[in-house]
Amino acid sequence: MSSTMPSPWQDYSLTYSSRKSYYCIFNTFRLSCGNELGANFGMVDSTVNIISTCLRALRSANLPQPIGVIDTYYTWCNHQEKPCNVPWSVISNQVDWIGLNTYPIWENIFSGMFPCTAPADAAAATLQRHKSVQANYPNKPVVLTEFGWAGANPGQSMRLQNNVITGQNCGPASDANQKLMVQGVINLYRAAKLPCNTFEAFRETWKATTSSIAMDAFWGVCQGTAPYDCINAPK
């Protein structure tokens, strides 16, 4: 976004109507207040207040785009992994759409309900999580805002941490598994005529030295250094 763009807390409606230089708004299809705030900071009053303040500010700006919130499957299911039938109503009642981030590879480490999803099954599992959240919020469109599977160095695979609850170890991070999963999701969503967003475009190689989780550097379907080969990009 341009450095001359006004803050979300300012009167955005004036700049939208009178300053054509602020062209970014014309190419924005949806707006979100936050990404995984509930997952990272808890579904507590302070989180709800921050999100609600942002939503009110965007509403008061009279922007034309639908306004939503992005969070994880676990959050949108109100910590009820299976079945997903308890909505986060204090937030969902304020939004036009719901953004869903879901990662079977993370579930393989942290979930007790979904402890072992193989890469070959991860695309179908992603669509199933989407359907579950959509059923939990029948009056709100749900958009898959993040999905993916971590790769690894070329020709290598990365054994992941055992599931913290069951002790199982499933689906290593590798280029082959990343390509299989990402292309599988694209195929399913294309057939269902649903939008989706891959996480992510380029590998963040700097995370290899800054993150305690080795696979954090390998989410991109394109290499993070020149010539930026997109070896696992979906078709």
C-alpha atoms as a PDB file:
ATOM      1  CA  MET A   1       0.000   0.000   0.000  1.00  0.00           C
ATOM      2  CA  SER A   2       1.273   3.449  -0.833  1.00  0.00           C
ATOM      3  CA  SER A   3       3.005   5.342   1.951  1.00  0.00           C
ATOM      4  CA  THR A   4       0.661   8.254   1.214  1.00  0.00           C
ATOM      5  CA  MET A   5      -2.410   6.183   2.001  1.00  0.00           C
ATOM      6  CA  PRO A   6      -4.374   7.525   4.971  1.00  0.00           C
ATOM      7  CA  SER A   7      -4.537   5.602   8.207  1.00  0.00           C
ATOM      8  CA  PRO A   8      -7.562   3.263   8.595  1.00  0.00           C
ATOM      9  CA  TRP A   9      -8.537   5.429  11.550  1.00  0.00           C
ATOM     10  CA  GLN A  10      -8.874   8.585   9.440  1.00  0.00           C
ATOM     11  CA  ASP A  11     -11.828   9.689   7.334  1.00  0.00           C
ATOM     12  CA  TYR A  12     -11.290   7.330   4.441  1.00  0.00           C
ATOM     13  CA  SER A  13     -14.516   8.206   2.622  1.00  0.00           C
ATOM     14  CA  LEU A  14     -13.227  11.696   1.732  1.00  0.00           C
ATOM     15  CA  THR A  15      -9.996  10.452   0.193  1.00  0.00           C
ATOM     16  CA  TYR A  16     -11.819   7.682  -1.644  1.00  0.00           C
ATOM     17  CA  SER A  17     -14.188  10.081  -3.370  1.00  0.00           C
ATOM     18  CA  SER A  18     -11.912  13.054  -3.985  1.00  0.00           C
ATOM     19  CA  ARG A  19      -8.338  11.799  -4.416  1.00  0.00           C
ATOM     20  CA  LYS A  20      -7.932   9.398  -7.339  1.00  0.00           C
ATOM     21  CA  SER A  21      -4.264   9.016  -6.446  1.00  0.00           C
ATOM     22  CA  TYR A  22      -5.407   6.670  -3.695  1.00  0.00           C
ATOM     23  CA  TYR A  23      -6.038   4.016  -6.298  1.00  0.00           C
ATOM     24  CA  CYS A  24      -5.308   1.019  -4.046  1.00  0.00           C
ATOM     25  CA  ILE A  25      -8.836   1.044  -2.692  1.00  0.00           C
ATOM     26  CA  PHE A  26     -10.240   0.360  -6.169  1.00  0.00           C
ATOM     27  CA  ASN A  27      -8.266  -2.886  -6.392  1.00  0.00           C
ATOM     28  CA  THR A  28      -9.178  -4.168  -2.953  1.00  0.00           C
ATOM     29  CA  PHE A  29     -11.971  -6.733  -2.977  1.00  0.00           C
ATOM     30  CA  ARG A  30     -12.342  -7.406   0.738  1.00  0.00           C
ATOM     31  CA  LEU A  31     -11.145  -5.810   3.965  1.00  0.00           C
ATOM     32  CA  SER A  32     -10.174  -7.586   7.169  1.00  0.00           C
ATOM     33  CA  CYS A  33      -9.619  -6.436  10.716  1.00  0.00           C
ATOM     34  CA  GLY A  34      -6.661  -8.506  11.798  1.00  0.00           C
ATOM     35  CA  ASN A  35      -5.278 -11.920  10.994  1.00  0.00           C
ATOM     36  CA  GLU A  36      -5.364 -14.705  13.597  1.00  0.00           C
ATOM     37  CA  LEU A  37      -5.801 -12.336  16.535  1.00  0.00           C
ATOM     38  CA  GLY A  38      -8.070 -14.822  18.266  1.00  0.00           C
ATOM     39  CA  ALA A  39      -5.586 -17.651  17.745  1.00  0.00           C
ATOM     40  CA  ASN A  40      -2.560 -15.641  18.865  1.00  0.00           C
ATOM     41  CA  PHE A  41      -3.999 -13.566  21.710  1.00  0.00           C
ATOM     42  CA  GLY A  42      -7.031 -15.558  22.821  1.00  0.00           C
ATOM     43  CA  MET A  43     -10.753 -15.071  22.328  1.00  0.00           C
ATOM     44  CA  VAL A  44     -10.848 -12.735  25.308  1.00  0.00           C
ATOM     45  CA  ASP A  45     -12.434  -9.342  25.894  1.00  0.00           C
ATOM     46  CA  SER A  46      -9.282  -7.409  25.002  1.00  0.00           C
ATOM     47  CA  THR A  47      -9.030  -9.171  21.622  1.00  0.00           C
ATOM     48  CA  VAL A  48     -12.718  -8.672  20.926  1.00  0.00           C
ATOM     49  CA  ASN A  49     -12.420  -4.977  21.798  1.00  0.00           C
ATOM     50  CA  ILE A  50      -9.493  -4.452  19.413  1.00  0.00           C
ATOM     51  CA  ILE A  51     -11.270  -6.207  16.545  1.00  0.00           C
ATOM     52  CA  SER A  52     -14.562  -4.439  17.250  1.00  0.00           C
ATOM     53  CA  THR A  53     -12.858  -1.030  17.299  1.00  0.00           C
ATOM     54  CA  CYS A  54     -11.316  -1.735  13.913  1.00  0.00           C
ATOM     55  CA  LEU A  55     -14.625  -2.907  12.473  1.00  0.00           C
ATOM     56  CA  ARG A  56     -16.420   0.212  13.694  1.00  0.00           C
ATOM     57  CA  ALA A  57     -13.722   2.432  12.196  1.00  0.00           C
ATOM     58  CA  LEU A  58     -14.005   0.787   8.783  1.00  0.00           C
ATOM     59  CA  ARG A  59     -17.796   0.943   8.905  1.00  0.00           C
ATOM     60  CA  SER A  60     -17.711   4.645   9.728  1.00  0.00           C
ATOM     61  CA  ALA A  61     -15.480   5.254   6.694  1.00  0.00           C
ATOM     62  CA  ASN A  62     -18.291   4.075   4.382  1.00  0.00           C
ATOM     63  CA  LEU A  63     -15.964   1.894   2.338  1.00  0.00           C
ATOM     64  CA  PRO A  64     -17.559  -0.138  -0.458  1.00  0.00           C
ATOM     65  CA  GLN A  65     -15.762  -3.413   0.269  1.00  0.00           C
ATOM     66  CA  PRO A  66     -17.197  -6.130   2.504  1.00  0.00           C
ATOM     67  CA  ILE A  67     -15.488  -6.158   5.907  1.00  0.00           C
ATOM     68  CA  GLY A  68     -14.463  -9.323   7.722  1.00  0.00           C
ATOM     69  CA  VAL A  69     -12.074 -10.967  10.134  1.00  0.00           C
ATOM     70  CA  ILE A  70      -9.503 -13.690   9.420  1.00  0.00           C
ATOM     71  CA  ASP A  71      -8.711 -16.428  11.913  1.00  0.00           C
ATOM     72  CA  THR A  72      -8.052 -20.144  12.228  1.00  0.00           C
ATOM     73  CA  TYR A  73     -10.385 -23.114  12.019  1.00  0.00           C
ATOM     74  CA  TYR A  74      -9.953 -23.682  15.750  1.00  0.00           C
ATOM     75  CA  THR A  75     -10.971 -20.094  16.531  1.00  0.00           C
ATOM     76  CA  TRP A  76     -13.995 -19.999  14.234  1.00  0.00           C
ATOM     77  CA  CYS A  77     -15.156 -23.250  15.812  1.00  0.00           C
ATOM     78  CA  ASN A  78     -14.897 -21.571  19.233  1.00  0.00           C
ATOM     79  CA  HIS A  79     -12.336 -24.158  20.377  1.00  0.00           C
ATOM     80  CA  GLN A  80     -14.669 -27.003  19.420  1.00  0.00           C
ATOM     81  CA  GLU A  81     -12.608 -28.805  16.781  1.00  0.00           C
ATOM     82  CA  LYS A  82     -15.096 -31.565  16.081  1.00  0.00           C
ATOM     83  CA  PRO A  83     -17.910 -30.997  15.627  1.00  0.00           C
ATOM     84  CA  CYS A  84     -17.528 -27.356  14.646  1.00  0.00           C
ATOM     85  CA  ASN A  85     -20.899 -26.113  15.870  1.00  0.00           C
ATOM     86  CA  VAL A  86     -20.265 -23.255  18.328  1.00  0.00           C
ATOM     87  CA  PRO A  87     -19.870 -19.875  16.568  1.00  0.00           C
ATOM     88  CA  TRP A  88     -17.739 -16.971  17.778  1.00  0.00           C
ATOM     89  CA  SER A  89     -20.861 -14.860  17.683  1.00  0.00           C
ATOM     90  CA  VAL A  90     -19.514 -11.709  19.330  1.00  0.00           C
ATOM     91  CA  ILE A  91     -17.285 -11.258  16.263  1.00  0.00           C
ATOM     92  CA  SER A  92     -19.222 -13.025  13.512  1.00  0.00           C
ATOM     93  CA  ASN A  93     -22.303 -10.889  14.139  1.00  0.00           C
ATOM     94  CA  GLN A  94     -20.273  -7.801  13.192  1.00  0.00           C
ATOM     95  CA  VAL A  95     -18.759  -8.977   9.891  1.00  0.00           C
ATOM     96  CA  ASP A  96     -19.817  -9.397   6.264  1.00  0.00           C
ATOM     97  CA  TRP A  97     -17.517 -12.350   5.602  1.00  0.00           C
ATOM     98  CA  ILE A  98     -15.251 -14.806   7.414  1.00  0.00           C
ATOM     99  CA  GLY A  99     -11.634 -15.499   6.504  1.00  0.00           C
ATOM    100  CA  LEU A 100     -10.433 -19.019   7.265  1.00  0.00           C
ATOM    101  CA  ASN A 101      -6.808 -20.058   7.709  1.00  0.00           C
ATOM    102  CA  THR A 102      -6.347 -23.810   7.979  1.00  0.00           C
ATOM    103  CA  TYR A 103      -3.251 -26.001   7.876  1.00  0.00           C
ATOM    104  CA  PRO A 104      -3.391 -29.793   8.265  1.00  0.00           C
ATOM    105  CA  ILE A 105       0.393 -29.803   8.724  1.00  0.00           C
ATOM    106  CA  TRP A 106       0.007 -27.749  11.923  1.00  0.00           C
ATOM    107  CA  GLU A 107      -2.870 -29.958  13.046  1.00  0.00           C
ATOM    108  CA  ASN A 108      -0.501 -32.913  12.711  1.00  0.00           C
ATOM    109  CA  ILE A 109       1.544 -31.348  15.493  1.00  0.00           C
ATOM    110  CA  PHE A 110      -1.015 -29.700  17.772  1.00  0.00           C
ATOM    111  CA  SER A 111      -4.493 -31.177  17.199  1.00  0.00           C
ATOM    112  CA  GLY A 112      -5.989 -34.011  19.191  1.00  0.00           C
ATOM    113  CA  MET A 113      -8.931 -34.383  16.808  1.00  0.00           C
ATOM    114  CA  PHE A 114      -6.917 -34.309  13.560  1.00  0.00           C
ATOM    115  CA  PRO A 115      -3.498 -35.661  14.590  1.00  0.00           C
ATOM    116  CA  CYS A 116      -2.407 -37.414  11.416  1.00  0.00           C
ATOM    117  CA  THR A 117      -3.442 -36.083   7.997  1.00  0.00           C
ATOM    118  CA  ALA A 118      -1.222 -37.420   5.221  1.00  0.00           C
ATOM    119  CA  PRO A 119      -0.186 -34.991   2.458  1.00  0.00           C
ATOM    120  CA  ALA A 120      -2.281 -36.956  -0.038  1.00  0.00           C
ATOM    121  CA  ASP A 121      -5.358 -36.345   2.130  1.00  0.00           C
ATOM    122  CA  ALA A 122      -4.606 -32.759   3.113  1.00  0.00           C
ATOM    123  CA  ALA A 123      -6.461 -31.088   0.226  1.00  0.00           C
ATOM    124  CA  ALA A 124      -9.699 -32.928   0.997  1.00  0.00           C
ATOM    125  CA  ALA A 125      -9.209 -32.173   4.703  1.00  0.00           C
ATOM    126  CA  THR A 126      -8.838 -28.470   3.909  1.00  0.00           C
ATOM    127  CA  LEU A 127     -12.097 -28.386   1.982  1.00  0.00           C
ATOM    128  CA  GLN A 128     -13.816 -30.301   4.776  1.00  0.00           C
ATOM    129  CA  ARG A 129     -12.668 -27.753   7.369  1.00  0.00           C
ATOM    130  CA  HIS A 130     -14.045 -25.032   5.087  1.00  0.00           C
ATOM    131  CA  LYS A 131     -17.402 -26.783   4.832  1.00  0.00           C
ATOM    132  CA  SER A 132     -17.545 -27.202   8.607  1.00  0.00           C
ATOM    133  CA  VAL A 133     -16.936 -23.512   9.225  1.00  0.00           C
ATOM    134  CA  GLN A 134     -19.441 -22.552   6.533  1.00  0.00           C
ATOM    135  CA  ALA A 135     -22.055 -24.740   8.221  1.00  0.00           C
ATOM    136  CA  ASN A 136     -21.261 -23.021  11.528  1.00  0.00           C
ATOM    137  CA  TYR A 137     -21.897 -19.606   9.913  1.00  0.00           C
ATOM    138  CA  PRO A 138     -24.592 -20.295   7.306  1.00  0.00           C
ATOM    139  CA  ASN A 139     -25.344 -16.610   6.701  1.00  0.00           C
ATOM    140  CA  LYS A 140     -21.741 -15.489   6.129  1.00  0.00           C
ATOM    141  CA  PRO A 141     -19.556 -16.274   3.106  1.00  0.00           C
ATOM    142  CA  VAL A 142     -16.396 -18.100   4.162  1.00  0.00           C
ATOM    143  CA  VAL A 143     -13.188 -17.505   2.178  1.00  0.00           C
ATOM    144  CA  LEU A 144     -10.105 -19.702   2.466  1.00  0.00           C
ATOM    145  CA  THR A 145      -7.580 -16.947   3.155  1.00  0.00           C
ATOM    146  CA  GLU A 146      -4.575 -19.150   3.949  1.00  0.00           C
ATOM    147  CA  PHE A 147      -3.633 -22.750   3.239  1.00  0.00           C
ATOM    148  CA  GLY A 148      -0.424 -24.526   2.450  1.00  0.00           C
ATOM    149  CA  TRP A 149       2.164 -27.174   3.238  1.00  0.00           C
ATOM    150  CA  ALA A 150       5.801 -26.499   4.004  1.00  0.00           C
ATOM    151  CA  GLY A 151       8.516 -27.565   1.585  1.00  0.00           C
ATOM    152  CA  ALA A 152      12.201 -28.168   2.269  1.00  0.00           C
ATOM    153  CA  ASN A 153      15.585 -27.831   0.632  1.00  0.00           C
ATOM    154  CA  PRO A 154      15.593 -29.409  -2.865  1.00  0.00           C
ATOM    155  CA  GLY A 155      15.705 -33.190  -2.692  1.00  0.00           C
ATOM    156  CA  GLN A 156      15.275 -33.239   1.073  1.00  0.00           C
ATOM    157  CA  SER A 157      12.435 -33.742   3.512  1.00  0.00           C
ATOM    158  CA  MET A 158      11.988 -32.401   7.029  1.00  0.00           C
ATOM    159  CA  ARG A 159      10.662 -34.602   9.799  1.00  0.00           C
ATOM    160  CA  LEU A 160       8.185 -32.660  11.896  1.00  0.00           C
ATOM    161  CA  GLN A 161       7.628 -32.602  15.614  1.00  0.00           C
ATOM    162  CA  ASN A 162       5.501 -35.432  16.993  1.00  0.00           C
ATOM    163  CA  ASN A 163       1.897 -34.594  17.774  1.00  0.00           C
ATOM    164  CA  VAL A 164       1.926 -33.103  21.256  1.00  0.00           C
ATOM    165  CA  ILE A 165      -1.173 -35.061  22.282  1.00  0.00           C
ATOM    166  CA  THR A 166      -0.994 -38.420  20.504  1.00  0.00           C
ATOM    167  CA  GLY A 167       2.729 -38.709  19.799  1.00  0.00           C
ATOM    168  CA  GLN A 168       2.084 -39.539  16.135  1.00  0.00           C
ATOM    169  CA  ASN A 169       4.352 -38.294  13.377  1.00  0.00           C
ATOM    170  CA  CYS A 170       2.750 -37.721   9.994  1.00  0.00           C
ATOM    171  CA  GLY A 171       3.537 -36.060   6.683  1.00  0.00           C
ATOM    172  CA  PRO A 172       7.024 -34.557   6.522  1.00  0.00           C
ATOM    173  CA  ALA A 173       7.681 -31.162   4.980  1.00  0.00           C
ATOM    174  CA  SER A 174       9.075 -31.577   1.466  1.00  0.00           C
ATOM    175  CA  ASP A 175       8.770 -30.051  -1.988  1.00  0.00           C
ATOM    176  CA  ALA A 176       6.906 -33.118  -3.233  1.00  0.00           C
ATOM    177  CA  ASN A 177       4.363 -32.963  -0.418  1.00  0.00           C
ATOM    178  CA  GLN A 178       3.956 -29.213  -0.814  1.00  0.00           C
ATOM    179  CA  LYS A 179       3.247 -29.493  -4.520  1.00  0.00           C
ATOM    180  CA  LEU A 180       0.846 -32.387  -3.972  1.00  0.00           C
ATOM    181  CA  MET A 181      -1.152 -30.590  -1.298  1.00  0.00           C
ATOM    182  CA  VAL A 182      -1.248 -27.110  -2.866  1.00  0.00           C
ATOM    183  CA  GLN A 183      -2.214 -28.376  -6.314  1.00  0.00           C
ATOM    184  CA  GLY A 184      -4.824 -30.638  -4.736  1.00  0.00           C
ATOM    185  CA  VAL A 185      -6.491 -27.712  -2.967  1.00  0.00           C
ATOM    186  CA  ILE A 186      -6.439 -25.602  -6.131  1.00  0.00           C
ATOM    187  CA  ASN A 187      -8.092 -28.426  -8.070  1.00  0.00           C
ATOM    188  CA  LEU A 188     -10.834 -28.940  -5.478  1.00  0.00           C
ATOM    189  CA  TYR A 189     -11.584 -25.245  -5.060  1.00  0.00           C
ATOM    190  CA  ARG A 190     -11.561 -24.630  -8.792  1.00  0.00           C
ATOM    191  CA  ALA A 191     -14.106 -27.417  -9.227  1.00  0.00           C
ATOM    192  CA  ALA A 192     -16.225 -26.007  -6.400  1.00  0.00           C
ATOM    193  CA  LYS A 193     -15.889 -22.448  -7.794  1.00  0.00           C
ATOM    194  CA  LEU A 194     -14.557 -21.196  -4.458  1.00  0.00           C
ATOM    195  CA  PRO A 195     -11.761 -18.624  -3.993  1.00  0.00           C
ATOM    196  CA  CYS A 196      -8.637 -19.538  -2.055  1.00  0.00           C
ATOM    197  CA  ASN A 197      -5.229 -18.050  -1.239  1.00  0.00           C
ATOM    198  CA  THR A 198      -2.026 -20.053  -1.025  1.00  0.00           C
ATOM    199  CA  PHE A 199       0.391 -19.298   1.780  1.00  0.00           C
ATOM    200  CA  GLU A 200       2.729 -18.260   0.443  1.00  0.00           C
ATOM    201  CA  ALA A 201       4.338 -17.021  -2.771  1.00  0.00           C
ATOM    202  CA  PHE A 202       8.030 -16.786  -1.797  1.00  0.00           C
ATOM    203  CA  ARG A 203      10.076 -18.643   0.770  1.00  0.00           C
ATOM    204  CA  GLU A 204      11.258 -16.453   3.617  1.00  0.00           C
ATOM    205  CA  THR A 205      14.814 -17.742   3.778  1.00  0.00           C
ATOM    206  CA  TRP A 206      15.737 -15.300   6.557  1.00  0.00           C
ATOM    207  CA  LYS A 207      13.505 -17.256   8.934  1.00  0.00           C
ATOM    208  CA  ALA A 208      15.996 -20.118   8.829  1.00  0.00           C
ATOM    209  CA  THR A 209      18.063 -18.149  11.340  1.00  0.00           C
ATOM    210  CA  THR A 210      15.339 -16.240  13.186  1.00  0.00           C
ATOM    211  CA  SER A 211      12.609 -18.845  13.787  1.00  0.00           C
ATOM    212  CA  SER A 212      12.763 -21.759  16.190  1.00  0.00           C
ATOM    213  CA  ILE A 213      10.551 -23.759  13.795  1.00  0.00           C
ATOM    214  CA  ALA A 214      12.632 -24.977  10.859  1.00  0.00           C
ATOM    215  CA  MET A 215       9.789 -25.245   8.367  1.00  0.00           C
ATOM    216  CA  ASP A 216       8.893 -21.545   8.735  1.00  0.00           C
ATOM    217  CA  ALA A 217      11.420 -20.732   6.014  1.00  0.00           C
ATOM    218  CA  PHE A 218       9.833 -23.084   3.475  1.00  0.00           C
ATOM    219  CA  TRP A 219       6.159 -22.147   3.052  1.00  0.00           C
ATOM    220  CA  GLY A 220       6.614 -20.384  -0.282  1.00  0.00           C
ATOM    221  CA  VAL A 221       5.926 -22.189  -3.543  1.00  0.00           C
ATOM    222  CA  CYS A 222       8.688 -20.064  -5.094  1.00  0.00           C
ATOM    223  CA  GLN A 223      12.301 -19.866  -3.974  1.00  0.00           C
ATOM    224  CA  GLY A 224      13.137 -16.910  -1.752  1.00  0.00           C
ATOM    225  CA  THR A 225      16.363 -16.040  -3.549  1.00  0.00           C
ATOM    226  CA  ALA A 226      17.234 -15.278  -7.170  1.00  0.00           C
ATOM    227  CA  PRO A 227      16.291 -16.523  -9.701  1.00  0.00           C
ATOM    228  CA  TYR A 228      13.137 -17.155  -7.590  1.00  0.00           C
ATOM    229  CA  ASP A 229      12.157 -20.382  -9.338  1.00  0.00           C
ATOM    230  CA  CYS A 230       8.521 -21.271  -8.667  1.00  0.00           C
ATOM    231  CA  ILE A 231       9.116 -24.986  -8.489  1.00  0.00           C
ATOM    232  CA  ASN A 232       5.912 -25.831  -6.644  1.00  0.00           C
ATOM    233  CA  ALA A 233       3.538 -23.196  -7.985  1.00  0.00           C
ATOM    234  CA  PRO A 234       0.102 -24.655  -8.785  1.00  0.00           C
ATOM    235  CA  LYS A 235      -1.255 -24.702 -12.301  1.00  0.00           C
END
